[in-house]
PDB file of N, CA and C in Angstrom:
ATOM      1  N   UNK A   1      28.298 129.989  88.833  1.00  0.00           N
ATOM      2  CA  UNK A   1      29.170 129.166  88.418  1.00  0.00           C
ATOM      3  C   UNK A   1      29.548 129.354  87.530  1.00  0.00           C
ATOM      4  N   UNK A   2      30.901 129.881  87.479  1.00  0.00           N
ATOM      5  CA  UNK A   2      31.314 130.604  85.817  1.00  0.00           C
ATOM      6  C   UNK A   2      31.497 128.814  85.153  1.00  0.00           C
ATOM      7  N   UNK A   3      31.289 129.308  83.070  1.00  0.00           N
ATOM      8  CA  UNK A   3      31.761 128.358  82.812  1.00  0.00           C
ATOM      9  C   UNK A   3      33.021 128.079  82.219  1.00  0.00           C
ATOM     10  N   UNK A   4      33.481 127.129  81.886  1.00  0.00           N
ATOM     11  CA  UNK A   4      34.878 126.842  81.908  1.00  0.00           C
ATOM     12  C   UNK A   4      35.198 126.673  80.206  1.00  0.00           C
ATOM     13  N   UNK A   5      36.178 127.173  79.663  1.00  0.00           N
ATOM     14  CA  UNK A   5      36.203 127.405  78.249  1.00  0.00           C
ATOM     15  C   UNK A   5      38.290 126.803  78.368  1.00  0.00           C
ATOM     16  N   UNK A   6      38.296 125.438  77.539  1.00  0.00           N
ATOM     17  CA  UNK A   6      39.636 125.618  77.109  1.00  0.00           C
ATOM     18  C   UNK A   6      39.991 126.069  76.157  1.00  0.00           C
ATOM     19  N   UNK A   7      41.037 126.123  76.091  1.00  0.00           N
ATOM     20  CA  UNK A   7      41.660 127.208  75.079  1.00  0.00           C
ATOM     21  C   UNK A   7      43.421 126.200  74.678  1.00  0.00           C
ATOM     22  N   UNK A   8      42.815 125.344  73.146  1.00  0.00           N
ATOM     23  CA  UNK A   8      44.345 124.562  73.186  1.00  0.00           C
ATOM     24  C   UNK A   8      44.685 125.115  71.726  1.00  0.00           C
ATOM     25  N   UNK A   9      46.370 125.466  71.979  1.00  0.00           N
ATOM     26  CA  UNK A   9      46.868 126.228  70.961  1.00  0.00           C
ATOM     27  C   UNK A   9      47.894 125.477  70.347  1.00  0.00           C
ATOM     28  N   UNK A  10      48.198 125.414  69.217  1.00  0.00           N
ATOM     29  CA  UNK A  10      49.689 124.506  68.533  1.00  0.00           C
ATOM     30  C   UNK A  10      50.409 125.192  68.779  1.00  0.00           C
ATOM     31  N   UNK A  11      51.822 125.527  69.049  1.00  0.00           N
ATOM     32  CA  UNK A  11      52.695 126.989  69.008  1.00  0.00           C
ATOM     33  C   UNK A  11      53.683 126.293  67.830  1.00  0.00           C
ATOM     34  N   UNK A  12      53.650 125.444  66.343  1.00  0.00           N
ATOM     35  CA  UNK A  12      54.459 125.531  65.387  1.00  0.00           C
ATOM     36  C   UNK A  12      54.780 126.329  64.884  1.00  0.00           C
ATOM     37  N   UNK A  13      53.898 127.357  64.747  1.00  0.00           N
ATOM     38  CA  UNK A  13      54.280 128.499  64.180  1.00  0.00           C
ATOM     39  C   UNK A  13      53.929 129.664  65.386  1.00  0.00           C
ATOM     40  N   UNK A  14      54.933 130.022  66.380  1.00  0.00           N
ATOM     41  CA  UNK A  14      54.478 130.614  67.300  1.00  0.00           C
ATOM     42  C   UNK A  14      53.997 131.842  67.346  1.00  0.00           C
ATOM     43  N   UNK A  15      54.687 132.926  66.385  1.00  0.00           N
ATOM     44  CA  UNK A  15      53.899 133.607  65.752  1.00  0.00           C
ATOM     45  C   UNK A  15      52.648 134.124  65.823  1.00  0.00           C
ATOM     46  N   UNK A  16      51.997 132.877  65.109  1.00  0.00           N
ATOM     47  CA  UNK A  16      50.680 132.994  64.278  1.00  0.00           C
ATOM     48  C   UNK A  16      49.868 132.539  65.712  1.00  0.00           C
ATOM     49  N   UNK A  17      50.554 131.354  66.445  1.00  0.00           N
ATOM     50  CA  UNK A  17      49.590 131.132  67.191  1.00  0.00           C
ATOM     51  C   UNK A  17      49.663 131.995  67.921  1.00  0.00           C
ATOM     52  N   UNK A  18      50.242 133.027  68.840  1.00  0.00           N
ATOM     53  CA  UNK A  18      50.183 134.004  69.789  1.00  0.00           C
ATOM     54  C   UNK A  18      49.245 135.005  69.263  1.00  0.00           C
ATOM     55  N   UNK A  19      49.061 135.481  67.745  1.00  0.00           N
ATOM     56  CA  UNK A  19      48.244 136.224  67.273  1.00  0.00           C
ATOM     57  C   UNK A  19      46.492 135.567  67.217  1.00  0.00           C
ATOM     58  N   UNK A  20      46.540 134.524  67.070  1.00  0.00           N
ATOM     59  CA  UNK A  20      45.042 133.746  67.191  1.00  0.00           C
ATOM     60  C   UNK A  20      45.063 133.464  68.482  1.00  0.00           C
ATOM     61  N   UNK A  21      45.633 133.386  69.556  1.00  0.00           N
ATOM     62  CA  UNK A  21      45.476 133.057  70.907  1.00  0.00           C
ATOM     63  C   UNK A  21      44.831 135.138  71.145  1.00  0.00           C
ATOM     64  N   UNK A  22      45.666 135.857  71.059  1.00  0.00           N
ATOM     65  CA  UNK A  22      45.422 137.059  71.790  1.00  0.00           C
ATOM     66  C   UNK A  22      44.163 137.422  71.621  1.00  0.00           C
ATOM     67  N   UNK A  23      43.629 137.166  70.087  1.00  0.00           N
ATOM     68  CA  UNK A  23      42.358 137.638  69.707  1.00  0.00           C
ATOM     69  C   UNK A  23      41.180 136.670  70.287  1.00  0.00           C
ATOM     70  N   UNK A  24      41.677 135.561  70.377  1.00  0.00           N
ATOM     71  CA  UNK A  24      40.494 134.743  70.728  1.00  0.00           C
ATOM     72  C   UNK A  24      40.422 135.504  72.696  1.00  0.00           C
ATOM     73  N   UNK A  25      41.486 135.412  73.176  1.00  0.00           N
ATOM     74  CA  UNK A  25      41.212 135.936  74.754  1.00  0.00           C
ATOM     75  C   UNK A  25      40.626 137.249  74.686  1.00  0.00           C
ATOM     76  N   UNK A  26      40.953 138.316  73.712  1.00  0.00           N
ATOM     77  CA  UNK A  26      40.339 139.397  73.487  1.00  0.00           C
ATOM     78  C   UNK A  26      38.621 139.834  73.252  1.00  0.00           C
ATOM     79  N   UNK A  27      38.084 138.141  73.013  1.00  0.00           N
ATOM     80  CA  UNK A  27      37.029 138.170  72.691  1.00  0.00           C
ATOM     81  C   UNK A  27      35.994 137.680  73.817  1.00  0.00           C
ATOM     82  N   UNK A  28      36.717 136.742  74.434  1.00  0.00           N
ATOM     83  CA  UNK A  28      35.804 136.161  75.397  1.00  0.00           C
ATOM     84  C   UNK A  28      35.698 136.547  76.519  1.00  0.00           C
ATOM     85  N   UNK A  29      34.264 136.784  76.758  1.00  0.00           N
ATOM     86  CA  UNK A  29      33.675 138.346  78.026  1.00  0.00           C
ATOM     87  C   UNK A  29      34.359 137.479  79.355  1.00  0.00           C
ATOM     88  N   UNK A  30      35.122 138.473  80.268  1.00  0.00           N
ATOM     89  CA  UNK A  30      35.535 138.008  81.989  1.00  0.00           C
ATOM     90  C   UNK A  30      34.464 136.563  82.453  1.00  0.00           C
ATOM     91  N   UNK A  31      33.316 136.668  81.895  1.00  0.00           N
ATOM     92  CA  UNK A  31      32.375 135.944  82.915  1.00  0.00           C
ATOM     93  C   UNK A  31      32.820 134.119  82.780  1.00  0.00           C
ATOM     94  N   UNK A  32      33.149 133.692  81.807  1.00  0.00           N
ATOM     95  CA  UNK A  32      33.986 132.886  81.613  1.00  0.00           C
ATOM     96  C   UNK A  32      35.268 132.331  82.381  1.00  0.00           C
ATOM     97  N   UNK A  33      35.581 131.995  82.706  1.00  0.00           N
ATOM     98  CA  UNK A  33      36.781 130.552  83.188  1.00  0.00           C
ATOM     99  C   UNK A  33      37.569 130.064  82.369  1.00  0.00           C
ATOM    100  N   UNK A  34      38.973 130.657  81.920  1.00  0.00           N
ATOM    101  CA  UNK A  34      39.871 130.068  80.786  1.00  0.00           C
ATOM    102  C   UNK A  34      40.997 129.422  81.093  1.00  0.00           C
ATOM    103  N   UNK A  35      41.368 128.055  80.699  1.00  0.00           N
ATOM    104  CA  UNK A  35      42.500 127.540  80.477  1.00  0.00           C
ATOM    105  C   UNK A  35      43.221 127.280  79.352  1.00  0.00           C
ATOM    106  N   UNK A  36      44.372 127.361  79.334  1.00  0.00           N
ATOM    107  CA  UNK A  36      45.379 127.515  77.869  1.00  0.00           C
ATOM    108  C   UNK A  36      46.187 126.341  78.065  1.00  0.00           C
ATOM    109  N   UNK A  37      46.128 125.378  76.788  1.00  0.00           N
ATOM    110  CA  UNK A  37      46.993 124.021  77.121  1.00  0.00           C
ATOM    111  C   UNK A  37      47.572 124.497  75.557  1.00  0.00           C
ATOM    112  N   UNK A  38      49.044 124.778  75.661  1.00  0.00           N
ATOM    113  CA  UNK A  38      49.909 124.612  74.374  1.00  0.00           C
ATOM    114  C   UNK A  38      50.695 123.136  73.999  1.00  0.00           C
ATOM    115  N   UNK A  39      49.828 123.291  72.779  1.00  0.00           N
ATOM    116  CA  UNK A  39      50.605 121.610  72.206  1.00  0.00           C
ATOM    117  C   UNK A  39      51.656 121.820  71.225  1.00  0.00           C
ATOM    118  N   UNK A  40      52.172 120.799  70.337  1.00  0.00           N
ATOM    119  CA  UNK A  40      53.406 121.348  69.429  1.00  0.00           C
ATOM    120  C   UNK A  40      52.640 121.286  68.504  1.00  0.00           C
ATOM    121  N   UNK A  41      51.275 121.145  67.891  1.00  0.00           N
ATOM    122  CA  UNK A  41      51.347 121.177  66.511  1.00  0.00           C
ATOM    123  C   UNK A  41      50.101 120.938  66.227  1.00  0.00           C
ATOM    124  N   UNK A  42      49.427 121.121  65.168  1.00  0.00           N
ATOM    125  CA  UNK A  42      47.488 121.091  65.497  1.00  0.00           C
ATOM    126  C   UNK A  42      46.936 119.313  65.393  1.00  0.00           C
ATOM    127  N   UNK A  43      47.952 118.251  64.970  1.00  0.00           N
ATOM    128  CA  UNK A  43      47.782 117.378  65.035  1.00  0.00           C
ATOM    129  C   UNK A  43      47.348 116.692  66.195  1.00  0.00           C
ATOM    130  N   UNK A  44      48.271 117.050  67.589  1.00  0.00           N
ATOM    131  CA  UNK A  44      47.580 116.920  68.750  1.00  0.00           C
ATOM    132  C   UNK A  44      46.185 117.658  69.784  1.00  0.00           C
ATOM    133  N   UNK A  45      45.865 118.623  68.899  1.00  0.00           N
ATOM    134  CA  UNK A  45      44.604 119.614  69.142  1.00  0.00           C
ATOM    135  C   UNK A  45      43.596 118.563  69.794  1.00  0.00           C
ATOM    136  N   UNK A  46      43.143 117.651  69.110  1.00  0.00           N
ATOM    137  CA  UNK A  46      42.266 117.218  69.181  1.00  0.00           C
ATOM    138  C   UNK A  46      42.094 115.987  70.245  1.00  0.00           C
ATOM    139  N   UNK A  47      43.432 115.494  70.375  1.00  0.00           N
ATOM    140  CA  UNK A  47      43.424 114.360  71.414  1.00  0.00           C
ATOM    141  C   UNK A  47      43.261 115.145  72.805  1.00  0.00           C
ATOM    142  N   UNK A  48      44.033 116.525  73.261  1.00  0.00           N
ATOM    143  CA  UNK A  48      44.301 117.200  73.979  1.00  0.00           C
ATOM    144  C   UNK A  48      42.976 117.898  74.315  1.00  0.00           C
ATOM    145  N   UNK A  49      41.853 118.043  73.679  1.00  0.00           N
ATOM    146  CA  UNK A  49      40.275 118.407  73.726  1.00  0.00           C
ATOM    147  C   UNK A  49      39.701 117.131  74.222  1.00  0.00           C
ATOM    148  N   UNK A  50      39.669 116.089  73.643  1.00  0.00           N
ATOM    149  CA  UNK A  50      39.551 115.051  74.162  1.00  0.00           C
ATOM    150  C   UNK A  50      39.880 114.255  75.730  1.00  0.00           C
ATOM    151  N   UNK A  51      40.753 114.152  75.962  1.00  0.00           N
ATOM    152  CA  UNK A  51      41.196 114.191  77.270  1.00  0.00           C
ATOM    153  C   UNK A  51      40.697 115.434  78.097  1.00  0.00           C
ATOM    154  N   UNK A  52      39.949 116.071  77.845  1.00  0.00           N
ATOM    155  CA  UNK A  52      39.716 117.437  78.856  1.00  0.00           C
ATOM    156  C   UNK A  52      37.564 117.340  78.625  1.00  0.00           C
ATOM    157  N   UNK A  53      37.230 116.457  77.691  1.00  0.00           N
ATOM    158  CA  UNK A  53      36.067 116.974  77.616  1.00  0.00           C
ATOM    159  C   UNK A  53      35.267 116.826  78.609  1.00  0.00           C
ATOM    160  N   UNK A  54      35.308 116.475  79.536  1.00  0.00           N
ATOM    161  CA  UNK A  54      34.553 116.276  80.685  1.00  0.00           C
ATOM    162  C   UNK A  54      34.645 117.275  81.651  1.00  0.00           C
ATOM    163  N   UNK A  55      36.040 117.899  81.796  1.00  0.00           N
ATOM    164  CA  UNK A  55      36.408 119.252  82.308  1.00  0.00           C
ATOM    165  C   UNK A  55      35.963 120.806  81.937  1.00  0.00           C
ATOM    166  N   UNK A  56      35.323 120.916  81.104  1.00  0.00           N
ATOM    167  CA  UNK A  56      35.031 121.977  80.844  1.00  0.00           C
ATOM    168  C   UNK A  56      33.748 122.147  79.817  1.00  0.00           C
ATOM    169  N   UNK A  57      33.138 123.458  79.544  1.00  0.00           N
ATOM    170  CA  UNK A  57      32.169 124.065  78.945  1.00  0.00           C
ATOM    171  C   UNK A  57      32.000 123.769  77.332  1.00  0.00           C
ATOM    172  N   UNK A  58      33.024 124.184  76.799  1.00  0.00           N
ATOM    173  CA  UNK A  58      33.533 124.516  75.590  1.00  0.00           C
ATOM    174  C   UNK A  58      35.056 124.590  75.332  1.00  0.00           C
ATOM    175  N   UNK A  59      35.778 124.681  73.822  1.00  0.00           N
ATOM    176  CA  UNK A  59      36.700 124.551  73.510  1.00  0.00           C
ATOM    177  C   UNK A  59      37.134 125.474  72.207  1.00  0.00           C
ATOM    178  N   UNK A  60      38.189 125.991  72.591  1.00  0.00           N
ATOM    179  CA  UNK A  60      38.345 126.366  70.755  1.00  0.00           C
ATOM    180  C   UNK A  60      40.045 126.224  70.413  1.00  0.00           C
ATOM    181  N   UNK A  61      40.181 125.651  69.426  1.00  0.00           N
ATOM    182  CA  UNK A  61      41.139 125.515  68.495  1.00  0.00           C
ATOM    183  C   UNK A  61      41.945 125.766  67.923  1.00  0.00           C
ATOM    184  N   UNK A  62      43.664 126.260  68.167  1.00  0.00           N
ATOM    185  CA  UNK A  62      44.079 127.250  67.544  1.00  0.00           C
ATOM    186  C   UNK A  62      45.353 126.948  66.852  1.00  0.00           C
ATOM    187  N   UNK A  63      45.598 127.189  65.396  1.00  0.00           N
ATOM    188  CA  UNK A  63      46.806 126.630  65.360  1.00  0.00           C
ATOM    189  C   UNK A  63      46.557 127.051  63.268  1.00  0.00           C
ATOM    190  N   UNK A  64      47.797 126.821  62.831  1.00  0.00           N
ATOM    191  CA  UNK A  64      48.230 127.215  61.655  1.00  0.00           C
ATOM    192  C   UNK A  64      48.800 125.783  61.058  1.00  0.00           C
ATOM    193  N   UNK A  65      48.578 125.455  59.835  1.00  0.00           N
ATOM    194  CA  UNK A  65      49.068 124.745  58.871  1.00  0.00           C
ATOM    195  C   UNK A  65      48.892 125.083  57.068  1.00  0.00           C
ATOM    196  N   UNK A  66      50.503 125.429  57.348  1.00  0.00           N
ATOM    197  CA  UNK A  66      50.904 126.018  55.705  1.00  0.00           C
ATOM    198  C   UNK A  66      51.706 125.053  54.570  1.00  0.00           C
ATOM    199  N   UNK A  67      50.643 125.280  53.444  1.00  0.00           N
ATOM    200  CA  UNK A  67      50.776 124.267  52.934  1.00  0.00           C
ATOM    201  C   UNK A  67      52.515 123.884  52.287  1.00  0.00           C
ATOM    202  N   UNK A  68      52.841 123.133  52.108  1.00  0.00           N
ATOM    203  CA  UNK A  68      54.866 122.645  51.782  1.00  0.00           C
ATOM    204  C   UNK A  68      54.188 122.070  50.747  1.00  0.00           C
ATOM    205  N   UNK A  69      55.592 121.414  50.219  1.00  0.00           N
ATOM    206  CA  UNK A  69      55.712 120.734  48.719  1.00  0.00           C
ATOM    207  C   UNK A  69      55.303 119.458  48.765  1.00  0.00           C
ATOM    208  N   UNK A  70      54.292 118.788  49.683  1.00  0.00           N
ATOM    209  CA  UNK A  70      54.272 117.345  50.176  1.00  0.00           C
ATOM    210  C   UNK A  70      52.363 117.373  50.452  1.00  0.00           C
ATOM    211  N   UNK A  71      52.108 116.378  50.332  1.00  0.00           N
ATOM    212  CA  UNK A  71      50.577 116.156  50.858  1.00  0.00           C
ATOM    213  C   UNK A  71      50.214 116.333  52.304  1.00  0.00           C
ATOM    214  N   UNK A  72      51.491 116.293  53.070  1.00  0.00           N
ATOM    215  CA  UNK A  72      50.985 116.341  54.668  1.00  0.00           C
ATOM    216  C   UNK A  72      50.122 117.376  54.871  1.00  0.00           C
ATOM    217  N   UNK A  73      50.323 118.624  53.935  1.00  0.00           N
ATOM    218  CA  UNK A  73      49.200 119.449  54.610  1.00  0.00           C
ATOM    219  C   UNK A  73      47.475 119.502  54.383  1.00  0.00           C
ATOM    220  N   UNK A  74      47.207 118.534  53.280  1.00  0.00           N
ATOM    221  CA  UNK A  74      45.887 118.363  53.230  1.00  0.00           C
ATOM    222  C   UNK A  74      45.806 116.845  54.018  1.00  0.00           C
ATOM    223  N   UNK A  75      46.663 116.322  54.673  1.00  0.00           N
ATOM    224  CA  UNK A  75      46.447 115.344  55.905  1.00  0.00           C
ATOM    225  C   UNK A  75      45.879 115.691  57.247  1.00  0.00           C
ATOM    226  N   UNK A  76      47.324 116.435  57.411  1.00  0.00           N
ATOM    227  CA  UNK A  76      46.474 117.145  59.180  1.00  0.00           C
ATOM    228  C   UNK A  76      45.927 117.808  58.975  1.00  0.00           C
ATOM    229  N   UNK A  77      45.145 118.527  58.173  1.00  0.00           N
ATOM    230  CA  UNK A  77      44.396 119.417  57.887  1.00  0.00           C
ATOM    231  C   UNK A  77      42.855 119.335  57.837  1.00  0.00           C
ATOM    232  N   UNK A  78      42.976 118.204  56.859  1.00  0.00           N
ATOM    233  CA  UNK A  78      41.319 117.297  57.400  1.00  0.00           C
ATOM    234  C   UNK A  78      41.265 116.499  58.043  1.00  0.00           C
ATOM    235  N   UNK A  79      42.401 115.663  58.733  1.00  0.00           N
ATOM    236  CA  UNK A  79      42.179 114.867  59.969  1.00  0.00           C
ATOM    237  C   UNK A  79      42.197 115.711  61.096  1.00  0.00           C
ATOM    238  N   UNK A  80      42.352 117.071  61.336  1.00  0.00           N
ATOM    239  CA  UNK A  80      42.558 117.563  62.379  1.00  0.00           C
ATOM    240  C   UNK A  80      40.706 118.126  62.581  1.00  0.00           C
ATOM    241  N   UNK A  81      40.140 118.472  61.325  1.00  0.00           N
ATOM    242  CA  UNK A  81      38.785 119.417  61.085  1.00  0.00           C
ATOM    243  C   UNK A  81      37.928 118.123  61.920  1.00  0.00           C
ATOM    244  N   UNK A  82      37.726 117.475  60.844  1.00  0.00           N
ATOM    245  CA  UNK A  82      37.455 115.710  61.230  1.00  0.00           C
ATOM    246  C   UNK A  82      37.042 115.678  62.680  1.00  0.00           C
ATOM    247  N   UNK A  83      38.515 115.501  63.128  1.00  0.00           N
ATOM    248  CA  UNK A  83      38.626 115.365  64.777  1.00  0.00           C
ATOM    249  C   UNK A  83      37.531 115.878  65.206  1.00  0.00           C
ATOM    250  N   UNK A  84      37.818 117.229  65.092  1.00  0.00           N
ATOM    251  CA  UNK A  84      37.762 117.951  66.054  1.00  0.00           C
ATOM    252  C   UNK A  84      35.646 118.318  65.776  1.00  0.00           C
ATOM    253  N   UNK A  85      35.395 118.215  64.173  1.00  0.00           N
ATOM    254  CA  UNK A  85      34.160 117.690  63.933  1.00  0.00           C
ATOM    255  C   UNK A  85      33.364 116.832  65.006  1.00  0.00           C
ATOM    256  N   UNK A  86      33.842 115.257  64.888  1.00  0.00           N
ATOM    257  CA  UNK A  86      33.488 114.606  65.970  1.00  0.00           C
ATOM    258  C   UNK A  86      33.397 114.764  66.947  1.00  0.00           C
ATOM    259  N   UNK A  87      34.304 115.442  67.760  1.00  0.00           N
ATOM    260  CA  UNK A  87      34.558 115.255  69.110  1.00  0.00           C
ATOM    261  C   UNK A  87      33.181 116.342  69.324  1.00  0.00           C
ATOM    262  N   UNK A  88      32.911 117.131  68.572  1.00  0.00           N
ATOM    263  CA  UNK A  88      32.313 118.143  69.148  1.00  0.00           C
ATOM    264  C   UNK A  88      30.763 118.064  68.803  1.00  0.00           C
ATOM    265  N   UNK A  89      30.176 116.939  67.541  1.00  0.00           N
ATOM    266  CA  UNK A  89      29.151 116.239  67.826  1.00  0.00           C
ATOM    267  C   UNK A  89      28.707 115.481  68.767  1.00  0.00           C
ATOM    268  N   UNK A  90      30.115 114.505  69.157  1.00  0.00           N
ATOM    269  CA  UNK A  90      29.741 113.299  70.119  1.00  0.00           C
ATOM    270  C   UNK A  90      29.644 114.270  71.353  1.00  0.00           C
ATOM    271  N   UNK A  91      30.114 115.075  71.877  1.00  0.00           N
ATOM    272  CA  UNK A  91      30.441 115.526  73.013  1.00  0.00           C
ATOM    273  C   UNK A  91      29.101 116.505  73.784  1.00  0.00           C
ATOM    274  N   UNK A  92      28.433 117.063  71.923  1.00  0.00           N
ATOM    275  CA  UNK A  92      27.522 117.644  71.797  1.00  0.00           C
ATOM    276  C   UNK A  92      28.247 119.237  73.039  1.00  0.00           C
ATOM    277  N   UNK A  93      29.311 119.526  72.621  1.00  0.00           N
ATOM    278  CA  UNK A  93      30.070 120.709  73.440  1.00  0.00           C
ATOM    279  C   UNK A  93      30.841 121.262  71.744  1.00  0.00           C
ATOM    280  N   UNK A  94      30.510 122.761  72.437  1.00  0.00           N
ATOM    281  CA  UNK A  94      30.888 123.380  71.048  1.00  0.00           C
ATOM    282  C   UNK A  94      32.207 123.449  71.346  1.00  0.00           C
ATOM    283  N   UNK A  95      33.157 123.347  69.978  1.00  0.00           N
ATOM    284  CA  UNK A  95      34.382 123.190  69.703  1.00  0.00           C
ATOM    285  C   UNK A  95      34.946 124.478  68.570  1.00  0.00           C
ATOM    286  N   UNK A  96      35.725 125.831  69.025  1.00  0.00           N
ATOM    287  CA  UNK A  96      35.443 126.881  68.136  1.00  0.00           C
ATOM    288  C   UNK A  96      36.377 126.042  67.260  1.00  0.00           C
ATOM    289  N   UNK A  97      36.688 125.959  66.027  1.00  0.00           N
ATOM    290  CA  UNK A  97      37.580 125.689  65.241  1.00  0.00           C
ATOM    291  C   UNK A  97      38.438 126.811  64.499  1.00  0.00           C
ATOM    292  N   UNK A  98      39.840 127.104  64.812  1.00  0.00           N
ATOM    293  CA  UNK A  98      40.359 128.469  64.616  1.00  0.00           C
ATOM    294  C   UNK A  98      41.924 127.966  64.590  1.00  0.00           C
ATOM    295  N   UNK A  99      41.372 126.517  63.666  1.00  0.00           N
ATOM    296  CA  UNK A  99      42.463 126.549  62.614  1.00  0.00           C
ATOM    297  C   UNK A  99      42.673 126.678  61.031  1.00  0.00           C
ATOM    298  N   UNK A 100      43.734 127.801  60.831  1.00  0.00           N
ATOM    299  CA  UNK A 100      43.562 128.517  60.039  1.00  0.00           C
ATOM    300  C   UNK A 100      44.938 127.497  59.455  1.00  0.00           C
ATOM    301  N   UNK A 101      44.372 127.260  57.605  1.00  0.00           N
ATOM    302  CA  UNK A 101      45.152 127.031  56.709  1.00  0.00           C
ATOM    303  C   UNK A 101      45.614 127.768  55.541  1.00  0.00           C
ATOM    304  N   UNK A 102      46.783 127.320  55.151  1.00  0.00           N
ATOM    305  CA  UNK A 102      47.525 129.073  54.672  1.00  0.00           C
ATOM    306  C   UNK A 102      48.393 128.433  53.559  1.00  0.00           C
ATOM    307  N   UNK A 103      48.433 128.662  52.152  1.00  0.00           N
ATOM    308  CA  UNK A 103      49.143 128.624  51.433  1.00  0.00           C
ATOM    309  C   UNK A 103      50.675 128.790  51.526  1.00  0.00           C
ATOM    310  N   UNK A 104      50.785 130.317  52.432  1.00  0.00           N
ATOM    311  CA  UNK A 104      51.952 131.157  52.901  1.00  0.00           C
ATOM    312  C   UNK A 104      52.200 131.443  54.052  1.00  0.00           C
ATOM    313  N   UNK A 105      53.288 132.111  53.780  1.00  0.00           N
ATOM    314  CA  UNK A 105      53.495 132.696  55.208  1.00  0.00           C
ATOM    315  C   UNK A 105      52.509 133.721  55.533  1.00  0.00           C
ATOM    316  N   UNK A 106      52.958 134.599  54.365  1.00  0.00           N
ATOM    317  CA  UNK A 106      51.697 135.790  54.348  1.00  0.00           C
ATOM    318  C   UNK A 106      50.324 136.053  54.510  1.00  0.00           C
ATOM    319  N   UNK A 107      50.390 134.635  53.562  1.00  0.00           N
ATOM    320  CA  UNK A 107      48.538 134.182  53.870  1.00  0.00           C
ATOM    321  C   UNK A 107      48.271 134.212  55.601  1.00  0.00           C
ATOM    322  N   UNK A 108      49.200 133.744  56.602  1.00  0.00           N
ATOM    323  CA  UNK A 108      49.162 132.940  57.399  1.00  0.00           C
ATOM    324  C   UNK A 108      49.174 134.435  58.775  1.00  0.00           C
ATOM    325  N   UNK A 109      49.838 135.387  58.386  1.00  0.00           N
ATOM    326  CA  UNK A 109      50.462 136.535  59.216  1.00  0.00           C
ATOM    327  C   UNK A 109      48.857 137.589  58.811  1.00  0.00           C
ATOM    328  N   UNK A 110      48.307 137.308  57.874  1.00  0.00           N
ATOM    329  CA  UNK A 110      47.117 138.461  57.870  1.00  0.00           C
ATOM    330  C   UNK A 110      46.002 137.703  58.595  1.00  0.00           C
ATOM    331  N   UNK A 111      45.915 135.881  59.133  1.00  0.00           N
ATOM    332  CA  UNK A 111      44.721 135.754  58.755  1.00  0.00           C
ATOM    333  C   UNK A 111      45.069 135.445  60.800  1.00  0.00           C
ATOM    334  N   UNK A 112      46.482 136.033  61.013  1.00  0.00           N
ATOM    335  CA  UNK A 112      46.606 135.685  63.032  1.00  0.00           C
ATOM    336  C   UNK A 112      45.447 136.570  63.981  1.00  0.00           C
ATOM    337  N   UNK A 113      44.187 137.266  63.537  1.00  0.00           N
ATOM    338  CA  UNK A 113      43.587 137.292  64.510  1.00  0.00           C
ATOM    339  C   UNK A 113      42.271 136.902  63.948  1.00  0.00           C
ATOM    340  N   UNK A 114      42.383 135.750  63.418  1.00  0.00           N
ATOM    341  CA  UNK A 114      41.311 134.181  63.153  1.00  0.00           C
ATOM    342  C   UNK A 114      40.540 133.758  64.577  1.00  0.00           C
ATOM    343  N   UNK A 115      41.353 134.127  65.675  1.00  0.00           N
ATOM    344  CA  UNK A 115      41.249 133.201  66.837  1.00  0.00           C
ATOM    345  C   UNK A 115      39.488 133.842  67.512  1.00  0.00           C
ATOM    346  N   UNK A 116      39.718 135.115  66.833  1.00  0.00           N
ATOM    347  CA  UNK A 116      38.139 135.917  67.482  1.00  0.00           C
ATOM    348  C   UNK A 116      37.164 135.038  67.123  1.00  0.00           C
ATOM    349  N   UNK A 117      36.841 135.042  65.751  1.00  0.00           N
ATOM    350  CA  UNK A 117      35.625 133.746  65.059  1.00  0.00           C
ATOM    351  C   UNK A 117      35.392 133.047  65.597  1.00  0.00           C
ATOM    352  N   UNK A 118      36.770 132.162  66.225  1.00  0.00           N
ATOM    353  CA  UNK A 118      36.520 130.630  67.073  1.00  0.00           C
ATOM    354  C   UNK A 118      36.095 130.723  68.206  1.00  0.00           C
ATOM    355  N   UNK A 119      36.109 132.302  68.698  1.00  0.00           N
ATOM    356  CA  UNK A 119      35.501 132.581  70.282  1.00  0.00           C
ATOM    357  C   UNK A 119      34.424 132.549  70.160  1.00  0.00           C
ATOM    358  N   UNK A 120      34.108 133.487  68.950  1.00  0.00           N
ATOM    359  CA  UNK A 120      32.618 134.094  68.959  1.00  0.00           C
ATOM    360  C   UNK A 120      31.724 132.928  68.493  1.00  0.00           C
ATOM    361  N   UNK A 121      32.122 131.771  68.093  1.00  0.00           N
ATOM    362  CA  UNK A 121      31.410 131.118  67.372  1.00  0.00           C
ATOM    363  C   UNK A 121      30.976 129.945  68.720  1.00  0.00           C
ATOM    364  N   UNK A 122      32.025 129.693  69.763  1.00  0.00           N
ATOM    365  CA  UNK A 122      31.385 128.799  71.318  1.00  0.00           C
ATOM    366  C   UNK A 122      30.333 129.772  71.936  1.00  0.00           C
ATOM    367  N   UNK A 123      31.034 131.141  72.286  1.00  0.00           N
ATOM    368  CA  UNK A 123      30.179 131.566  73.003  1.00  0.00           C
ATOM    369  C   UNK A 123      28.578 131.685  72.025  1.00  0.00           C
ATOM    370  N   UNK A 124      28.418 132.077  70.781  1.00  0.00           N
ATOM    371  CA  UNK A 124      27.336 131.705  70.062  1.00  0.00           C
ATOM    372  C   UNK A 124      26.540 130.374  70.681  1.00  0.00           C
ATOM    373  N   UNK A 125      26.990 129.283  70.375  1.00  0.00           N
ATOM    374  CA  UNK A 125      26.313 128.433  70.836  1.00  0.00           C
ATOM    375  C   UNK A 125      26.297 127.939  71.820  1.00  0.00           C
ATOM    376  N   UNK A 126      27.197 128.717  73.004  1.00  0.00           N
ATOM    377  CA  UNK A 126      26.435 128.402  74.516  1.00  0.00           C
ATOM    378  C   UNK A 126      25.557 129.253  75.071  1.00  0.00           C
ATOM    379  N   UNK A 127      25.406 129.802  74.210  1.00  0.00           N
ATOM    380  CA  UNK A 127      24.409 130.866  74.369  1.00  0.00           C
ATOM    381  C   UNK A 127      22.835 130.774  73.998  1.00  0.00           C
ATOM    382  N   UNK A 128      22.857 129.972  73.320  1.00  0.00           N
ATOM    383  CA  UNK A 128      21.303 128.809  72.896  1.00  0.00           C
ATOM    384  C   UNK A 128      20.718 127.849  73.630  1.00  0.00           C
ATOM    385  N   UNK A 129      19.369 128.167  73.553  1.00  0.00           N
ATOM    386  CA  UNK A 129      18.125 127.673  74.529  1.00  0.00           C
ATOM    387  C   UNK A 129      17.787 126.916  74.272  1.00  0.00           C
TER     388      UNK A 129
END
């Protein structure tokens, strides 16, 4: 039976999330069954993963947070990272964190292929014995 991977991608910055998704999909071998769920922003990623913990073997979280003039960036970045780590540890299932945090759009555009690293991370953990 094929192992199942859920990719949850935040579409707040669609051009960035499309690049993250494309690079992740190119990395995951065809031996896996993949489902994609799109959410409005990175804050919705952990709850979406949580709702699907029993249905999938691994997860990839993709999205982008760009620093603005308020502390919102710090809160969202930290909250999503902590929630993803807690979910992964408590469920003992790999969650590749492909949520990029950038200071500006130029940095985000340069990093939109980082979905590959998140996909490689879960494949590595899934192959552990």
